[in-house]
Amino acid sequence: MTKKERLLLFILASAQFTHIVDFMIMMPMGDILQKELLITPFQFSMLVSAYPLAAFLSSLFGVFFLDKFDRKKALSVAYLGFVLGTFSSAVVPNTADPSLNYALFIGTRLLTGLFGGILGALVLSIVGDVFALERRGKAMGVVSMAFSLAAVVGVPLALELVNQFEGNWHVPFYMVAGLGAIVSVILLLQVPSMRGHINDQRTKPHPFETIRMASKNKNQQQALLFMVLLVLGQFTVIPFITPYMINNVGLSQEQIPLIYLVGGACTVISSPFIGRMVDRFGRKRVFYIMASSSILPLLFTTHLWPVSLFIVLTISATFFIAISGRMIPANTLLTAVVKPENRGGFMSLNSSVMSLASGLASVIAGSIVVQPGAGEPIENYNFVGYVAVAFTIAALLLARRLKEVSTN
């Protein structure tokens, strides 16, 4: 890997880092937000789903133009919009009316999601354009470390700021917006123009070509369904981990950062290793292993009773490793089911359906989970675990039917 390639991956991972922290921080603040805004678990699930549902719309729109523009220009506009959206979440007023606060907060999350929605698609498209398929697994592993670092550094730091500022949920968004401003400058100065996907096209596809191809290509349809199932198999569980750990397992809000710190630290080590295994042993084989190994952590996480912090952290670490680990071969496999000249549009379409799936996953979980009153135990979270496992098994069965059509 050249120096320029390493710098590019660092910038892409940094953009992903801030993007993921912005989305992830909502979930460990679940107990705080429910109490501060006086909302129910279902209302909290709608707050979490606002971002991905807005991202669904923008990603779907991105299908029509992403492959028409320089990757750098598209990424710069999307990322600057995301930073402004995050800043709007930071400065949302804290009025005496909790219902107004809730409505305004949802509005800022919708705004952030509109720009953040196409970031993931652009990052994956750039990785697919720059790195040949035989080296792409390692590159995906590096970019995927953004999730790990978000968990091990970003989220614990943001939660510690919340604790230091006496439960002020605005503070983490100030932090992310500040980091995003720095990354924006580096991105504009250091990322080169990327027009190879445009110059290589013999005939520029019609804006509806990507959707038309997906609607007629069974392999692409199955690839999109495959990613939807994976997302549903994890984001049904994630939004209510913090409320469950606090109200059912007995952890304090101050201990919640340890879950992300330990889990993220483990995935910092595991992600590059899994990426190398993808390149060495194959995308599907590694996916089968990682997806299968995620089933027990999903069940343990949703069935915990009051236990020691050590046991909680052990289970959380295996959960983080398995969930992030199965996405590395899955994303690598996805970049190979479409030709390079259509990759940006297809990845945007994929990002769109994944955003929709994550929003629906939060709503599904919020419809199942019940909390009789503030501070009381969460009920029915075990059923959420069963739902997540069912989606994971369905993804495992579907993966074997996907066919690779791209070698670069």
Protein backbone atom coordinates (compact mmCIF):
# COMPACT_ATOMS: atom_id res chain seq x y z
CA MET A 1 0.00 0.00 0.00
CA THR A 2 1.46 3.35 -1.06
CA LYS A 3 1.77 6.47 1.09
CA LYS A 4 -1.00 8.18 -0.89
CA GLU A 5 -3.29 5.19 -0.44
CA ARG A 6 -2.67 5.15 3.32
CA LEU A 7 -3.41 8.89 3.54
CA LEU A 8 -6.62 8.43 1.57
CA LEU A 9 -7.75 5.60 3.84
CA PHE A 10 -6.95 7.73 6.90
CA ILE A 11 -9.13 10.56 5.60
CA LEU A 12 -11.98 8.22 4.66
CA ALA A 13 -11.77 6.52 8.05
CA SER A 14 -11.78 9.92 9.79
CA ALA A 15 -14.91 10.96 7.91
CA GLN A 16 -16.52 7.65 8.81
CA PHE A 17 -15.41 8.07 12.42
CA THR A 18 -17.24 11.35 12.94
CA HIS A 19 -20.22 10.08 10.96
CA ILE A 20 -20.49 6.93 13.08
CA VAL A 21 -19.98 8.74 16.41
CA ASP A 22 -22.78 11.16 15.49
CA PHE A 23 -25.14 8.24 14.89
CA MET A 24 -23.90 5.94 17.66
CA ILE A 25 -24.00 8.53 20.45
CA MET A 26 -27.78 8.61 20.35
CA MET A 27 -28.11 5.05 21.62
CA PRO A 28 -25.93 5.14 24.77
CA MET A 29 -27.73 8.37 25.71
CA GLY A 30 -31.06 6.56 25.48
CA ASP A 31 -31.77 6.55 29.21
CA ILE A 32 -30.79 10.23 29.54
CA LEU A 33 -32.89 11.31 26.56
CA GLN A 34 -35.96 9.38 27.68
CA LYS A 35 -35.83 11.07 31.07
CA GLU A 36 -34.81 14.52 29.80
CA LEU A 37 -37.38 14.70 27.01
CA LEU A 38 -40.04 12.70 28.90
CA ILE A 39 -40.47 10.21 26.07
CA THR A 40 -41.41 6.52 25.85
CA PRO A 41 -39.19 3.74 24.39
CA PHE A 42 -41.18 3.94 21.15
CA GLN A 43 -40.67 7.71 20.92
CA PHE A 44 -36.97 7.17 21.54
CA SER A 45 -36.88 4.60 18.74
CA MET A 46 -38.43 7.20 16.43
CA LEU A 47 -35.75 9.69 17.48
CA VAL A 48 -33.04 7.15 16.63
CA SER A 49 -34.72 6.24 13.34
CA ALA A 50 -35.05 9.87 12.16
CA TYR A 51 -31.44 9.95 10.95
CA PRO A 52 -31.45 6.68 8.95
CA LEU A 53 -34.88 7.35 7.45
CA ALA A 54 -33.68 10.73 6.17
CA ALA A 55 -30.51 9.01 5.00
CA PHE A 56 -32.68 6.57 3.06
CA LEU A 57 -34.19 9.41 1.04
CA SER A 58 -30.90 11.16 0.30
CA SER A 59 -29.14 7.90 -0.58
CA LEU A 60 -31.95 7.00 -2.94
CA PHE A 61 -31.62 10.40 -4.58
CA GLY A 62 -27.87 9.85 -4.75
CA VAL A 63 -28.39 6.90 -7.06
CA PHE A 64 -29.22 9.37 -9.82
CA PHE A 65 -26.10 11.51 -9.61
CA LEU A 66 -23.20 9.94 -7.68
CA ASP A 67 -21.63 8.30 -10.73
CA LYS A 68 -21.89 11.59 -12.66
CA PHE A 69 -19.56 13.61 -10.44
CA ASP A 70 -16.00 13.64 -9.23
CA ARG A 71 -15.90 11.49 -6.07
CA LYS A 72 -14.01 14.22 -4.19
CA LYS A 73 -16.61 16.90 -4.96
CA ALA A 74 -19.50 14.65 -3.99
CA LEU A 75 -17.79 13.59 -0.76
CA SER A 76 -16.89 17.19 0.15
CA VAL A 77 -20.44 18.50 -0.28
CA ALA A 78 -21.98 15.59 1.61
CA TYR A 79 -19.51 15.85 4.48
CA LEU A 80 -19.82 19.63 4.90
CA GLY A 81 -23.61 19.25 5.00
CA PHE A 82 -23.27 16.52 7.59
CA VAL A 83 -21.08 18.74 9.81
CA LEU A 84 -23.63 21.57 9.61
CA GLY A 85 -26.42 19.15 10.49
CA THR A 86 -24.51 17.87 13.51
CA PHE A 87 -23.92 21.46 14.65
CA SER A 88 -27.67 22.09 14.41
CA SER A 89 -28.23 19.19 16.86
CA ALA A 90 -25.75 20.82 19.22
CA VAL A 91 -27.49 24.23 19.22
CA VAL A 92 -31.10 23.03 19.28
CA PRO A 93 -32.89 25.06 21.99
CA ASN A 94 -33.56 23.54 25.40
CA THR A 95 -36.98 25.04 26.11
CA ALA A 96 -39.31 24.46 29.04
CA ASP A 97 -41.54 22.36 26.79
CA PRO A 98 -40.14 18.79 26.45
CA SER A 99 -42.42 18.03 23.50
CA LEU A 100 -41.05 21.04 21.59
CA ASN A 101 -37.49 19.96 22.40
CA TYR A 102 -38.29 16.49 21.09
CA ALA A 103 -39.75 17.84 17.84
CA LEU A 104 -36.81 20.20 17.25
CA PHE A 105 -34.31 17.44 17.95
CA ILE A 106 -35.99 15.13 15.47
CA GLY A 107 -35.80 17.94 12.91
CA THR A 108 -32.03 18.34 13.35
CA ARG A 109 -31.52 14.58 13.11
CA LEU A 110 -33.48 14.54 9.86
CA LEU A 111 -31.27 17.34 8.50
CA THR A 112 -28.08 15.53 9.49
CA GLY A 113 -29.32 12.28 7.98
CA LEU A 114 -30.06 13.91 4.64
CA PHE A 115 -26.37 14.70 4.17
CA GLY A 116 -24.91 11.79 6.14
CA GLY A 117 -26.90 9.27 4.16
CA ILE A 118 -24.63 9.25 1.12
CA LEU A 119 -21.33 9.38 3.03
CA GLY A 120 -21.13 5.64 3.53
CA ALA A 121 -21.90 4.97 -0.14
CA LEU A 122 -19.21 7.41 -1.26
CA VAL A 123 -16.57 5.93 1.05
CA LEU A 124 -17.26 2.38 -0.15
CA SER A 125 -17.30 3.55 -3.78
CA ILE A 126 -13.92 5.25 -3.40
CA VAL A 127 -12.42 2.15 -1.79
CA GLY A 128 -13.84 0.07 -4.63
CA ASP A 129 -12.40 2.43 -7.25
CA VAL A 130 -8.91 2.74 -5.76
CA PHE A 131 -8.23 -0.79 -4.52
CA ALA A 132 -8.30 -3.93 -6.67
CA LEU A 133 -10.55 -6.71 -5.43
CA GLU A 134 -7.64 -8.84 -4.19
CA ARG A 135 -6.52 -5.94 -1.91
CA ARG A 136 -9.96 -4.57 -1.07
CA GLY A 137 -10.55 -6.69 2.02
CA LYS A 138 -7.57 -5.13 3.79
CA ALA A 139 -8.69 -1.64 2.77
CA MET A 140 -12.21 -2.34 4.00
CA GLY A 141 -10.73 -3.54 7.28
CA VAL A 142 -8.90 -0.22 7.71
CA VAL A 143 -12.00 1.84 6.93
CA SER A 144 -14.07 -0.40 9.19
CA MET A 145 -11.76 0.50 12.04
CA ALA A 146 -13.66 3.80 12.12
CA PHE A 147 -16.46 1.90 13.80
CA SER A 148 -14.05 0.46 16.32
CA LEU A 149 -12.43 3.80 17.05
CA ALA A 150 -15.82 5.44 17.33
CA ALA A 151 -16.70 2.89 19.97
CA VAL A 152 -13.38 2.90 21.81
CA VAL A 153 -12.64 6.63 21.67
CA GLY A 154 -15.51 8.69 20.29
CA VAL A 155 -18.49 7.36 22.21
CA PRO A 156 -16.77 6.99 25.62
CA LEU A 157 -15.33 10.49 25.30
CA ALA A 158 -18.71 11.91 24.31
CA LEU A 159 -20.41 10.12 27.22
CA GLU A 160 -17.76 11.34 29.63
CA LEU A 161 -18.45 14.89 28.47
CA VAL A 162 -22.16 14.28 29.11
CA ASN A 163 -21.34 13.09 32.64
CA GLN A 164 -19.00 16.03 33.26
CA PHE A 165 -21.62 18.51 32.09
CA GLU A 166 -24.32 16.95 34.28
CA GLY A 167 -26.29 15.13 31.62
CA ASN A 168 -26.18 17.85 28.95
CA TRP A 169 -26.88 15.85 25.80
CA HIS A 170 -25.94 18.78 23.52
CA VAL A 171 -22.22 18.54 24.33
CA PRO A 172 -21.33 15.43 22.24
CA PHE A 173 -22.70 17.08 19.12
CA TYR A 174 -20.46 20.11 19.67
CA MET A 175 -17.53 17.69 19.89
CA VAL A 176 -18.43 15.87 16.66
CA ALA A 177 -19.09 19.11 14.77
CA GLY A 178 -15.69 20.47 15.87
CA LEU A 179 -13.87 17.32 14.75
CA GLY A 180 -15.85 17.33 11.52
CA ALA A 181 -14.72 20.86 10.73
CA ILE A 182 -11.07 19.77 11.02
CA VAL A 183 -11.63 16.68 8.84
CA SER A 184 -13.39 18.86 6.24
CA VAL A 185 -10.29 21.01 5.81
CA ILE A 186 -8.01 17.96 5.47
CA LEU A 187 -10.40 16.37 2.98
CA LEU A 188 -10.51 19.47 0.79
CA LEU A 189 -6.72 19.87 0.82
CA GLN A 190 -5.52 16.26 0.56
CA VAL A 191 -8.05 14.12 -1.31
CA PRO A 192 -7.28 14.14 -5.06
CA SER A 193 -9.81 14.49 -7.82
CA MET A 194 -11.36 11.12 -8.70
CA ARG A 195 -12.91 10.93 -12.15
CA GLY A 196 -11.73 7.50 -13.29
CA HIS A 197 -15.21 6.02 -12.95
CA ILE A 198 -16.46 8.74 -15.33
CA ASN A 199 -13.62 8.58 -17.85
CA ASP A 200 -13.84 4.78 -18.10
CA GLN A 201 -17.47 4.81 -19.13
CA ARG A 202 -17.93 4.17 -22.84
CA THR A 203 -21.57 5.21 -22.57
CA LYS A 204 -22.69 7.24 -19.61
CA PRO A 205 -25.65 5.50 -17.96
CA HIS A 206 -29.02 7.16 -17.74
CA PRO A 207 -29.91 8.41 -14.22
CA PHE A 208 -32.45 5.60 -13.89
CA GLU A 209 -30.04 2.96 -15.16
CA THR A 210 -28.90 1.82 -11.72
CA ILE A 211 -32.45 1.26 -10.48
CA ARG A 212 -33.46 -0.33 -13.77
CA MET A 213 -30.51 -2.72 -13.60
CA ALA A 214 -31.22 -3.56 -9.98
CA SER A 215 -34.87 -4.20 -10.74
CA LYS A 216 -33.96 -6.66 -13.50
CA ASN A 217 -30.78 -8.14 -12.09
CA LYS A 218 -31.62 -10.89 -9.62
CA ASN A 219 -28.07 -10.94 -8.25
CA GLN A 220 -28.20 -7.24 -7.36
CA GLN A 221 -31.65 -7.65 -5.82
CA GLN A 222 -30.36 -10.45 -3.64
CA ALA A 223 -27.30 -8.38 -2.68
CA LEU A 224 -29.52 -5.51 -1.50
CA LEU A 225 -31.78 -7.88 0.42
CA PHE A 226 -28.69 -9.50 1.93
CA MET A 227 -27.51 -6.16 3.38
CA VAL A 228 -31.00 -5.33 4.63
CA LEU A 229 -31.16 -8.59 6.53
CA LEU A 230 -27.74 -7.96 8.07
CA VAL A 231 -28.75 -4.50 9.25
CA LEU A 232 -32.03 -5.76 10.69
CA GLY A 233 -30.01 -8.51 12.39
CA GLN A 234 -28.10 -6.00 14.50
CA PHE A 235 -29.88 -2.63 14.68
CA THR A 236 -32.95 -4.16 16.28
CA VAL A 237 -30.75 -4.92 19.29
CA ILE A 238 -28.38 -1.92 19.46
CA PRO A 239 -30.73 1.03 20.27
CA PHE A 240 -31.87 -0.41 23.60
CA ILE A 241 -28.60 -1.85 24.88
CA THR A 242 -28.00 1.11 27.21
CA PRO A 243 -31.52 1.34 28.71
CA TYR A 244 -31.47 -2.44 29.23
CA MET A 245 -28.03 -2.43 30.84
CA ILE A 246 -29.04 0.36 33.22
CA ASN A 247 -32.57 -0.72 34.12
CA ASN A 248 -32.27 -4.52 33.94
CA VAL A 249 -28.62 -5.46 34.44
CA GLY A 250 -27.91 -2.79 37.03
CA LEU A 251 -25.13 -0.75 35.43
CA SER A 252 -24.87 2.97 36.10
CA GLN A 253 -24.75 5.63 33.41
CA GLU A 254 -21.10 6.22 34.34
CA GLN A 255 -20.27 2.57 33.54
CA ILE A 256 -21.85 2.60 30.07
CA PRO A 257 -18.74 4.11 28.37
CA LEU A 258 -16.80 1.01 29.44
CA ILE A 259 -18.98 -1.14 27.18
CA TYR A 260 -17.97 0.89 24.15
CA LEU A 261 -14.39 1.32 25.32
CA VAL A 262 -13.74 -2.41 25.75
CA GLY A 263 -15.82 -3.49 22.74
CA GLY A 264 -14.24 -0.89 20.50
CA ALA A 265 -10.72 -1.74 21.66
CA CYS A 266 -11.29 -5.37 20.76
CA THR A 267 -12.53 -4.49 17.28
CA VAL A 268 -9.57 -2.18 16.68
CA ILE A 269 -7.49 -5.35 16.92
CA SER A 270 -9.93 -7.69 15.17
CA SER A 271 -10.94 -5.55 12.16
CA PRO A 272 -7.56 -5.46 10.35
CA PHE A 273 -7.09 -9.17 11.09
CA ILE A 274 -10.51 -10.01 9.64
CA GLY A 275 -9.76 -7.85 6.60
CA ARG A 276 -6.59 -9.84 5.94
CA MET A 277 -8.48 -13.10 6.37
CA VAL A 278 -11.00 -11.93 3.77
CA ASP A 279 -8.21 -11.43 1.23
CA ARG A 280 -6.59 -14.75 2.13
CA PHE A 281 -9.52 -17.14 2.53
CA GLY A 282 -12.31 -15.49 0.58
CA ARG A 283 -15.19 -13.14 1.28
CA LYS A 284 -17.97 -15.68 1.65
CA ARG A 285 -16.06 -18.10 3.84
CA VAL A 286 -15.10 -15.40 6.34
CA PHE A 287 -18.64 -14.02 6.29
CA TYR A 288 -20.09 -17.43 7.15
CA ILE A 289 -17.75 -17.71 10.12
CA MET A 290 -18.34 -14.20 11.47
CA ALA A 291 -22.11 -14.15 10.95
CA SER A 292 -22.53 -17.56 12.59
CA SER A 293 -20.37 -16.49 15.52
CA SER A 294 -22.58 -13.40 16.07
CA ILE A 295 -25.68 -15.41 17.00
CA LEU A 296 -24.70 -16.26 20.57
CA PRO A 297 -23.59 -12.71 21.44
CA LEU A 298 -26.92 -11.41 20.12
CA LEU A 299 -28.79 -13.79 22.41
CA PHE A 300 -26.58 -13.19 25.44
CA THR A 301 -26.89 -9.42 25.09
CA THR A 302 -30.69 -9.52 25.03
CA HIS A 303 -31.04 -12.07 27.86
CA LEU A 304 -28.68 -10.68 30.50
CA TRP A 305 -29.70 -10.53 34.15
CA PRO A 306 -27.90 -8.63 36.95
CA VAL A 307 -24.31 -9.88 36.68
CA SER A 308 -20.84 -8.54 37.35
CA LEU A 309 -19.37 -5.80 35.18
CA PHE A 310 -16.67 -8.22 34.02
CA ILE A 311 -19.27 -10.57 32.49
CA VAL A 312 -21.09 -7.67 30.85
CA LEU A 313 -17.87 -6.41 29.28
CA THR A 314 -16.88 -9.90 28.10
CA ILE A 315 -20.21 -10.39 26.35
CA SER A 316 -20.11 -6.86 24.93
CA ALA A 317 -16.62 -7.43 23.51
CA THR A 318 -17.70 -10.58 21.66
CA PHE A 319 -20.81 -8.74 20.44
CA PHE A 320 -18.75 -5.88 19.00
CA ILE A 321 -16.20 -8.18 17.36
CA ALA A 322 -18.82 -10.40 15.73
CA ILE A 323 -21.14 -7.62 14.56
CA SER A 324 -18.41 -5.43 13.08
CA GLY A 325 -16.52 -8.46 11.81
CA ARG A 326 -19.35 -9.78 9.68
CA MET A 327 -19.74 -6.41 7.92
CA ILE A 328 -16.15 -6.43 6.57
CA PRO A 329 -16.57 -9.46 4.27
CA ALA A 330 -20.16 -8.42 3.54
CA ASN A 331 -19.12 -4.98 2.28
CA THR A 332 -16.24 -6.46 0.30
CA LEU A 333 -18.60 -8.95 -1.31
CA LEU A 334 -21.07 -6.19 -2.14
CA THR A 335 -18.52 -4.16 -4.13
CA ALA A 336 -17.98 -7.19 -6.38
CA VAL A 337 -21.60 -7.73 -7.47
CA VAL A 338 -21.65 -4.65 -9.73
CA LYS A 339 -19.38 -3.29 -12.47
CA PRO A 340 -17.06 -0.35 -11.58
CA GLU A 341 -18.83 2.19 -13.83
CA ASN A 342 -22.09 1.64 -11.93
CA ARG A 343 -20.60 1.10 -8.48
CA GLY A 344 -21.25 4.58 -7.07
CA GLY A 345 -24.93 4.52 -7.94
CA PHE A 346 -25.37 0.96 -6.73
CA MET A 347 -23.56 1.64 -3.45
CA SER A 348 -25.78 4.68 -2.95
CA LEU A 349 -28.82 2.49 -3.59
CA ASN A 350 -27.41 0.01 -1.09
CA SER A 351 -26.76 2.78 1.44
CA SER A 352 -30.34 3.90 0.93
CA VAL A 353 -31.90 0.54 1.65
CA MET A 354 -29.52 -0.02 4.58
CA SER A 355 -30.56 3.32 6.07
CA LEU A 356 -34.20 2.39 5.64
CA ALA A 357 -33.51 -0.98 7.26
CA SER A 358 -31.74 0.58 10.28
CA GLY A 359 -34.61 3.03 10.74
CA LEU A 360 -37.15 0.21 10.51
CA ALA A 361 -35.06 -1.90 12.89
CA SER A 362 -35.27 0.81 15.55
CA VAL A 363 -39.03 1.11 15.05
CA ILE A 364 -39.45 -2.68 15.23
CA ALA A 365 -37.50 -2.82 18.49
CA GLY A 366 -39.42 0.14 19.88
CA SER A 367 -42.68 -1.62 19.06
CA ILE A 368 -41.60 -4.77 20.92
CA VAL A 369 -39.85 -3.27 23.95
CA VAL A 370 -41.96 -2.02 26.85
CA GLN A 371 -40.97 0.06 29.89
CA PRO A 372 -43.84 0.50 32.38
CA GLY A 373 -42.27 3.61 33.91
CA ALA A 374 -39.10 5.68 34.11
CA GLY A 375 -36.36 3.69 35.82
CA GLU A 376 -38.31 0.42 35.69
CA PRO A 377 -36.98 -2.74 33.95
CA ILE A 378 -37.22 -3.05 30.16
CA GLU A 379 -39.58 -5.83 29.06
CA ASN A 380 -39.59 -8.02 25.91
CA TYR A 381 -35.97 -7.28 24.96
CA ASN A 382 -35.39 -11.04 24.70
CA PHE A 383 -37.88 -11.17 21.82
CA VAL A 384 -35.85 -8.49 20.03
CA GLY A 385 -32.89 -10.87 20.25
CA TYR A 386 -34.87 -13.67 18.64
CA VAL A 387 -35.87 -11.35 15.79
CA ALA A 388 -32.23 -10.32 15.24
CA VAL A 389 -31.09 -13.94 15.12
CA ALA A 390 -33.81 -14.81 12.59
CA PHE A 391 -32.64 -12.01 10.27
CA THR A 392 -29.01 -13.11 10.67
CA ILE A 393 -29.82 -16.71 9.73
CA ALA A 394 -31.74 -15.48 6.68
CA ALA A 395 -28.66 -13.45 5.62
CA LEU A 396 -26.46 -16.52 6.00
CA LEU A 397 -28.74 -18.53 3.73
CA LEU A 398 -28.88 -15.79 1.12
CA ALA A 399 -25.11 -15.12 1.01
CA ARG A 400 -24.37 -18.40 -0.77
CA ARG A 401 -26.53 -17.29 -3.72
CA LEU A 402 -24.62 -14.05 -4.44
CA LYS A 403 -22.42 -14.03 -7.54
CA GLU A 404 -19.37 -11.81 -8.12
CA VAL A 405 -19.22 -10.02 -11.48
CA SER A 406 -16.36 -7.54 -10.87
CA THR A 407 -12.65 -8.24 -10.60
CA ASN A 408 -11.59 -4.66 -9.80
